[in-house]
Amino acid sequence: MQAPRHQNFEPDKVSVIRTNDSIWVMVIAGSVAGVKGPANRVSTEPLYIDIHMKASSGLRQLRPIAHTCFIYVYEGQVFIAGDIIFKDTLAVLSEGSSITIKSQISRQSWF
């Protein structure tokens, strides 16, 4: 156990990866495609990303198999493994080495 610790960083310190015109990923903690987020000195090796997707787009994201993974949809809805996850819903995902997210409406967030 560790004492809680806060990190503050400006929005311009958050790296953004554009996969195409339909999807962009803001890397907050961990790394995606070799791009690291500004959150550092974390002992649990989290992957915390904010994914923005235009309607009818899809993304496959690799993830550590041993990690607990969840998604919070703050706008629109997404499809994951045949299930619809609606706006303002937190879903805990099953184990696996990747996740495929398909959007129906504009922006989603995945951690």
N, C-alpha and C. Protein backbone atom coordinates (compact mmCIF):
# COMPACT_ATOMS: atom_id res chain seq x y z
N MET A 1 0.84 -1.19 0.00
CA MET A 1 0.00 0.00 0.00
C MET A 1 0.88 1.24 0.00
N GLN A 2 0.41 2.24 -0.72
CA GLN A 2 1.12 3.52 -0.79
C GLN A 2 0.15 4.64 -0.48
N ALA A 3 0.71 5.75 -0.04
CA ALA A 3 -0.11 6.93 0.17
C ALA A 3 -0.55 7.44 -1.21
N PRO A 4 -1.76 7.97 -1.32
CA PRO A 4 -2.21 8.51 -2.60
C PRO A 4 -1.31 9.65 -3.06
N ARG A 5 -1.22 9.79 -4.36
CA ARG A 5 -0.37 10.82 -4.93
C ARG A 5 -1.09 11.44 -6.12
N HIS A 6 -0.98 12.73 -6.27
CA HIS A 6 -1.65 13.45 -7.36
C HIS A 6 -0.61 13.91 -8.37
N GLN A 7 -0.97 13.84 -9.64
CA GLN A 7 -0.13 14.38 -10.71
C GLN A 7 -0.97 15.36 -11.52
N ASN A 8 -0.41 16.51 -11.75
CA ASN A 8 -1.11 17.49 -12.56
C ASN A 8 -0.29 17.75 -13.81
N PHE A 9 -0.94 17.78 -14.96
CA PHE A 9 -0.26 18.12 -16.20
C PHE A 9 -1.24 18.85 -17.10
N GLU A 10 -0.68 19.72 -17.91
CA GLU A 10 -1.48 20.52 -18.82
C GLU A 10 -1.95 19.68 -20.00
N PRO A 11 -3.09 20.02 -20.60
CA PRO A 11 -3.62 19.25 -21.73
C PRO A 11 -2.63 19.10 -22.89
N ASP A 12 -1.76 20.08 -23.09
CA ASP A 12 -0.81 19.98 -24.21
C ASP A 12 0.28 18.94 -23.94
N LYS A 13 0.35 18.40 -22.74
CA LYS A 13 1.31 17.34 -22.40
C LYS A 13 0.76 15.95 -22.73
N VAL A 14 -0.51 15.86 -23.05
CA VAL A 14 -1.15 14.58 -23.38
C VAL A 14 -0.94 14.32 -24.86
N SER A 15 -0.30 13.20 -25.17
CA SER A 15 -0.05 12.84 -26.57
C SER A 15 -1.32 12.34 -27.22
N VAL A 16 -1.50 12.71 -28.48
CA VAL A 16 -2.67 12.27 -29.24
C VAL A 16 -2.19 11.49 -30.45
N ILE A 17 -2.76 10.30 -30.62
CA ILE A 17 -2.46 9.46 -31.77
C ILE A 17 -3.69 9.44 -32.66
N ARG A 18 -3.50 9.76 -33.92
CA ARG A 18 -4.59 9.66 -34.89
C ARG A 18 -4.37 8.41 -35.70
N THR A 19 -5.32 7.46 -35.60
CA THR A 19 -5.20 6.24 -36.40
C THR A 19 -5.68 6.48 -37.82
N ASN A 20 -6.64 7.37 -37.96
CA ASN A 20 -7.16 7.80 -39.26
C ASN A 20 -8.06 9.01 -38.99
N ASP A 21 -8.86 9.43 -39.95
CA ASP A 21 -9.72 10.59 -39.75
C ASP A 21 -10.88 10.31 -38.80
N SER A 22 -11.12 9.04 -38.48
CA SER A 22 -12.27 8.67 -37.65
C SER A 22 -11.94 8.42 -36.19
N ILE A 23 -10.67 8.18 -35.87
CA ILE A 23 -10.31 7.78 -34.50
C ILE A 23 -9.05 8.51 -34.06
N TRP A 24 -9.08 9.03 -32.84
CA TRP A 24 -7.89 9.57 -32.21
C TRP A 24 -7.87 9.15 -30.76
N VAL A 25 -6.68 8.90 -30.25
CA VAL A 25 -6.48 8.35 -28.91
C VAL A 25 -5.60 9.29 -28.11
N MET A 26 -6.09 9.72 -26.96
CA MET A 26 -5.31 10.53 -26.03
C MET A 26 -4.70 9.58 -25.00
N VAL A 27 -3.37 9.54 -24.92
CA VAL A 27 -2.68 8.63 -24.00
C VAL A 27 -2.38 9.39 -22.71
N ILE A 28 -3.03 8.99 -21.62
CA ILE A 28 -2.87 9.66 -20.33
C ILE A 28 -1.87 8.92 -19.46
N ALA A 29 -1.99 7.60 -19.38
CA ALA A 29 -1.05 6.77 -18.62
C ALA A 29 -0.77 5.51 -19.42
N GLY A 30 0.44 5.00 -19.31
CA GLY A 30 0.82 3.82 -20.08
C GLY A 30 1.29 4.24 -21.46
N SER A 31 1.26 3.28 -22.39
CA SER A 31 1.71 3.63 -23.74
C SER A 31 0.89 2.89 -24.78
N VAL A 32 0.72 3.54 -25.92
CA VAL A 32 0.00 2.99 -27.06
C VAL A 32 0.87 3.26 -28.28
N ALA A 33 1.17 2.21 -29.04
CA ALA A 33 1.98 2.34 -30.26
C ALA A 33 3.28 3.09 -30.00
N GLY A 34 3.90 2.84 -28.83
CA GLY A 34 5.16 3.48 -28.50
C GLY A 34 5.05 4.89 -27.97
N VAL A 35 3.84 5.42 -27.88
CA VAL A 35 3.61 6.78 -27.37
C VAL A 35 3.20 6.68 -25.90
N LYS A 36 3.96 7.36 -25.03
CA LYS A 36 3.69 7.29 -23.59
C LYS A 36 2.88 8.49 -23.12
N GLY A 37 2.03 8.23 -22.12
CA GLY A 37 1.26 9.30 -21.50
C GLY A 37 2.08 10.04 -20.47
N PRO A 38 1.64 11.22 -20.05
CA PRO A 38 2.40 12.04 -19.10
C PRO A 38 2.35 11.54 -17.66
N ALA A 39 1.36 10.74 -17.29
CA ALA A 39 1.30 10.22 -15.92
C ALA A 39 2.47 9.27 -15.73
N ASN A 40 3.26 9.48 -14.68
CA ASN A 40 4.42 8.65 -14.46
C ASN A 40 4.53 8.30 -12.98
N ARG A 41 5.56 7.54 -12.64
CA ARG A 41 5.80 7.08 -11.28
C ARG A 41 4.56 6.39 -10.69
N VAL A 42 3.92 5.56 -11.48
CA VAL A 42 2.78 4.78 -11.01
C VAL A 42 3.23 3.34 -10.86
N SER A 43 2.92 2.74 -9.74
CA SER A 43 3.44 1.40 -9.46
C SER A 43 2.63 0.28 -10.10
N THR A 44 1.44 0.57 -10.58
CA THR A 44 0.58 -0.51 -11.09
C THR A 44 0.59 -0.68 -12.61
N GLU A 45 1.33 0.14 -13.34
CA GLU A 45 1.41 0.09 -14.79
C GLU A 45 0.04 0.18 -15.48
N PRO A 46 -0.74 1.21 -15.17
CA PRO A 46 -2.06 1.32 -15.79
C PRO A 46 -1.95 1.76 -17.25
N LEU A 47 -2.97 1.42 -18.00
CA LEU A 47 -3.18 1.97 -19.34
C LEU A 47 -4.46 2.77 -19.24
N TYR A 48 -4.35 4.08 -19.39
CA TYR A 48 -5.51 4.96 -19.27
C TYR A 48 -5.52 5.82 -20.52
N ILE A 49 -6.50 5.58 -21.38
CA ILE A 49 -6.59 6.31 -22.64
C ILE A 49 -8.01 6.81 -22.84
N ASP A 50 -8.11 7.88 -23.60
CA ASP A 50 -9.41 8.46 -23.94
C ASP A 50 -9.52 8.35 -25.45
N ILE A 51 -10.46 7.56 -25.91
CA ILE A 51 -10.61 7.29 -27.34
C ILE A 51 -11.79 8.10 -27.87
N HIS A 52 -11.53 8.83 -28.94
CA HIS A 52 -12.58 9.59 -29.62
C HIS A 52 -12.82 8.91 -30.96
N MET A 53 -14.07 8.56 -31.21
CA MET A 53 -14.41 7.82 -32.43
C MET A 53 -15.59 8.48 -33.13
N LYS A 54 -15.47 8.63 -34.42
CA LYS A 54 -16.62 9.08 -35.19
C LYS A 54 -17.57 7.91 -35.37
N ALA A 55 -18.80 8.22 -35.74
CA ALA A 55 -19.82 7.18 -35.94
C ALA A 55 -19.35 6.13 -36.93
N SER A 56 -19.72 4.90 -36.64
CA SER A 56 -19.45 3.75 -37.51
C SER A 56 -17.96 3.47 -37.70
N SER A 57 -17.14 3.78 -36.71
CA SER A 57 -15.73 3.45 -36.79
C SER A 57 -15.41 2.35 -35.79
N GLY A 58 -14.25 1.75 -35.92
CA GLY A 58 -13.87 0.67 -35.02
C GLY A 58 -12.39 0.71 -34.71
N LEU A 59 -12.03 0.13 -33.56
CA LEU A 59 -10.65 0.13 -33.10
C LEU A 59 -10.38 -1.16 -32.36
N ARG A 60 -9.23 -1.76 -32.63
CA ARG A 60 -8.76 -2.91 -31.85
C ARG A 60 -7.60 -2.42 -31.02
N GLN A 61 -7.71 -2.57 -29.69
CA GLN A 61 -6.69 -2.09 -28.77
C GLN A 61 -6.10 -3.28 -28.01
N LEU A 62 -4.77 -3.40 -28.04
CA LEU A 62 -4.10 -4.43 -27.25
C LEU A 62 -4.18 -4.05 -25.78
N ARG A 63 -4.18 -5.07 -24.91
CA ARG A 63 -4.22 -4.81 -23.48
C ARG A 63 -3.49 -5.92 -22.75
N PRO A 64 -2.92 -5.62 -21.58
CA PRO A 64 -2.26 -6.67 -20.80
C PRO A 64 -3.28 -7.71 -20.33
N ILE A 65 -2.98 -8.97 -20.54
CA ILE A 65 -3.92 -10.05 -20.19
C ILE A 65 -4.25 -10.06 -18.71
N ALA A 66 -3.27 -9.83 -17.86
CA ALA A 66 -3.47 -9.93 -16.41
C ALA A 66 -4.17 -8.73 -15.80
N HIS A 67 -4.39 -7.68 -16.56
CA HIS A 67 -5.00 -6.46 -16.01
C HIS A 67 -6.52 -6.52 -16.06
N THR A 68 -7.14 -5.91 -15.05
CA THR A 68 -8.58 -5.70 -15.09
C THR A 68 -8.83 -4.55 -16.05
N CYS A 69 -9.82 -4.70 -16.89
CA CYS A 69 -10.07 -3.70 -17.92
C CYS A 69 -11.53 -3.25 -17.85
N PHE A 70 -11.74 -1.97 -17.96
CA PHE A 70 -13.11 -1.47 -18.01
C PHE A 70 -13.21 -0.31 -18.98
N ILE A 71 -14.44 -0.02 -19.36
CA ILE A 71 -14.72 1.07 -20.28
C ILE A 71 -15.84 1.91 -19.69
N TYR A 72 -15.71 3.21 -19.83
CA TYR A 72 -16.79 4.11 -19.45
C TYR A 72 -17.16 4.90 -20.69
N VAL A 73 -18.39 4.83 -21.10
CA VAL A 73 -18.86 5.54 -22.28
C VAL A 73 -19.50 6.84 -21.81
N TYR A 74 -18.91 7.96 -22.19
CA TYR A 74 -19.45 9.24 -21.74
C TYR A 74 -20.25 9.95 -22.82
N GLU A 75 -20.24 9.41 -24.03
CA GLU A 75 -21.06 9.97 -25.09
C GLU A 75 -21.32 8.89 -26.13
N GLY A 76 -22.54 8.81 -26.62
CA GLY A 76 -22.87 7.82 -27.64
C GLY A 76 -23.02 6.42 -27.06
N GLN A 77 -22.66 5.43 -27.85
CA GLN A 77 -22.67 4.04 -27.39
C GLN A 77 -21.68 3.26 -28.23
N VAL A 78 -21.19 2.15 -27.69
CA VAL A 78 -20.23 1.30 -28.40
C VAL A 78 -20.70 -0.15 -28.36
N PHE A 79 -20.15 -0.91 -29.28
CA PHE A 79 -20.40 -2.35 -29.33
C PHE A 79 -19.10 -3.06 -29.02
N ILE A 80 -19.14 -3.98 -28.05
CA ILE A 80 -17.98 -4.78 -27.69
C ILE A 80 -18.45 -6.22 -27.53
N ALA A 81 -17.87 -7.12 -28.31
CA ALA A 81 -18.19 -8.55 -28.25
C ALA A 81 -19.69 -8.80 -28.35
N GLY A 82 -20.35 -8.05 -29.21
CA GLY A 82 -21.78 -8.24 -29.43
C GLY A 82 -22.69 -7.55 -28.44
N ASP A 83 -22.12 -6.92 -27.42
CA ASP A 83 -22.92 -6.20 -26.41
C ASP A 83 -22.88 -4.71 -26.68
N ILE A 84 -23.99 -4.03 -26.42
CA ILE A 84 -24.06 -2.58 -26.54
C ILE A 84 -23.78 -1.99 -25.17
N ILE A 85 -22.89 -1.02 -25.13
CA ILE A 85 -22.62 -0.29 -23.89
C ILE A 85 -23.06 1.14 -24.14
N PHE A 86 -24.04 1.57 -23.36
CA PHE A 86 -24.67 2.87 -23.56
C PHE A 86 -23.96 3.99 -22.82
N LYS A 87 -24.27 5.21 -23.20
CA LYS A 87 -23.75 6.41 -22.55
C LYS A 87 -23.97 6.34 -21.04
N ASP A 88 -23.01 6.87 -20.29
CA ASP A 88 -23.04 6.91 -18.82
C ASP A 88 -23.04 5.51 -18.20
N THR A 89 -22.41 4.55 -18.88
CA THR A 89 -22.32 3.18 -18.38
C THR A 89 -20.86 2.79 -18.23
N LEU A 90 -20.56 2.13 -17.10
CA LEU A 90 -19.25 1.55 -16.86
C LEU A 90 -19.38 0.04 -17.03
N ALA A 91 -18.55 -0.55 -17.86
CA ALA A 91 -18.60 -1.99 -18.08
C ALA A 91 -17.24 -2.59 -17.77
N VAL A 92 -17.22 -3.67 -16.98
CA VAL A 92 -15.99 -4.41 -16.71
C VAL A 92 -15.90 -5.48 -17.80
N LEU A 93 -14.74 -5.55 -18.44
CA LEU A 93 -14.56 -6.44 -19.58
C LEU A 93 -13.92 -7.75 -19.17
N SER A 94 -14.18 -8.79 -19.94
CA SER A 94 -13.59 -10.10 -19.65
C SER A 94 -12.11 -10.11 -20.04
N GLU A 95 -11.41 -11.15 -19.62
CA GLU A 95 -9.99 -11.25 -19.89
C GLU A 95 -9.72 -11.43 -21.38
N GLY A 96 -8.54 -11.05 -21.79
CA GLY A 96 -8.13 -11.21 -23.17
C GLY A 96 -6.92 -10.35 -23.45
N SER A 97 -6.35 -10.51 -24.64
CA SER A 97 -5.16 -9.76 -25.00
C SER A 97 -5.48 -8.52 -25.84
N SER A 98 -6.73 -8.39 -26.26
CA SER A 98 -7.13 -7.21 -27.02
C SER A 98 -8.62 -7.00 -26.87
N ILE A 99 -9.06 -5.84 -27.31
CA ILE A 99 -10.48 -5.52 -27.28
C ILE A 99 -10.80 -4.79 -28.58
N THR A 100 -11.95 -5.12 -29.16
CA THR A 100 -12.41 -4.43 -30.36
C THR A 100 -13.63 -3.61 -30.00
N ILE A 101 -13.55 -2.33 -30.28
CA ILE A 101 -14.61 -1.37 -29.95
C ILE A 101 -15.16 -0.82 -31.26
N LYS A 102 -16.47 -0.83 -31.40
CA LYS A 102 -17.11 -0.24 -32.57
C LYS A 102 -18.08 0.82 -32.09
N SER A 103 -18.02 2.00 -32.70
CA SER A 103 -18.88 3.09 -32.26
C SER A 103 -20.10 3.20 -33.15
N GLN A 104 -21.15 3.71 -32.55
CA GLN A 104 -22.34 4.03 -33.32
C GLN A 104 -22.51 5.54 -33.38
N ILE A 105 -22.16 6.20 -32.28
CA ILE A 105 -22.31 7.66 -32.20
C ILE A 105 -20.98 8.23 -31.72
N SER A 106 -20.70 9.43 -32.02
CA SER A 106 -19.41 10.08 -31.96
C SER A 106 -18.33 9.71 -30.96
N ARG A 107 -18.32 10.14 -29.71
CA ARG A 107 -17.15 10.00 -28.86
C ARG A 107 -17.36 8.99 -27.75
N GLN A 108 -16.32 8.23 -27.46
CA GLN A 108 -16.35 7.26 -26.38
C GLN A 108 -15.06 7.39 -25.57
N SER A 109 -15.03 6.83 -24.39
CA SER A 109 -13.81 6.82 -23.60
C SER A 109 -13.55 5.41 -23.12
N TRP A 110 -12.30 4.98 -23.24
CA TRP A 110 -11.91 3.64 -22.81
C TRP A 110 -10.68 3.74 -21.94
N PHE A 111 -10.66 2.99 -20.83
CA PHE A 111 -9.53 3.02 -19.93
C PHE A 111 -8.90 1.66 -19.96
